[in-house]
């Protein structure tokens, strides 16, 4: 890619290319992590409550404020667990943003490609920078475009023959038959 292509792309300015799709995907990943955080917190609180009732959790008392001091096991374990959960939530948000972009960009490109086809621009091609993952999809889409471009090109040639030689029935019949043959390749 040239320098002007990189300047035109604006990777950070165009980060949210399909906002609704990216938002839904990010929220789903974030919710999964929040469920994990909630499960960890509930498990931790259950263990704390059962051990505090039994009085067998090292230096644990029935007063949570006293237990949160660093002299008890809870004061030692709880802050790193909470910090890990907060980091996990932030990581989930970041993963959601960047993963959603990896999905949204190809969807956006496919939509643009399909819109061009819908408007009759059969000379358009579908290309992705991440060739490994979507190469086969791009090859199949471009092959379909090439197929229809070839058929329409041949139909155009035969209709021009009919227009050019309207008084020669053999050429009109031959071109008409060829058009019918081409159209029979398309399942309508």
Foldseek 3Di string as FASTA:
>chain_A
DDPVVVVVVPCVVCLCVPVVQLVVQLVVLLVVLVVVLVVVVVVVVVVLVVCQVVVNQANHHPDVVVCLPPVHPCVVPVVVSVVVSVVSSVVSNVCSSVVSSVVVVLVSQVVVQVVCVVVPNLVDFGDDPPCPPCVVVRVVVNVVSVLVVVLVVLLVVLVVQCVVCVPDVVSVVVSVVVNVVSVVVDDD
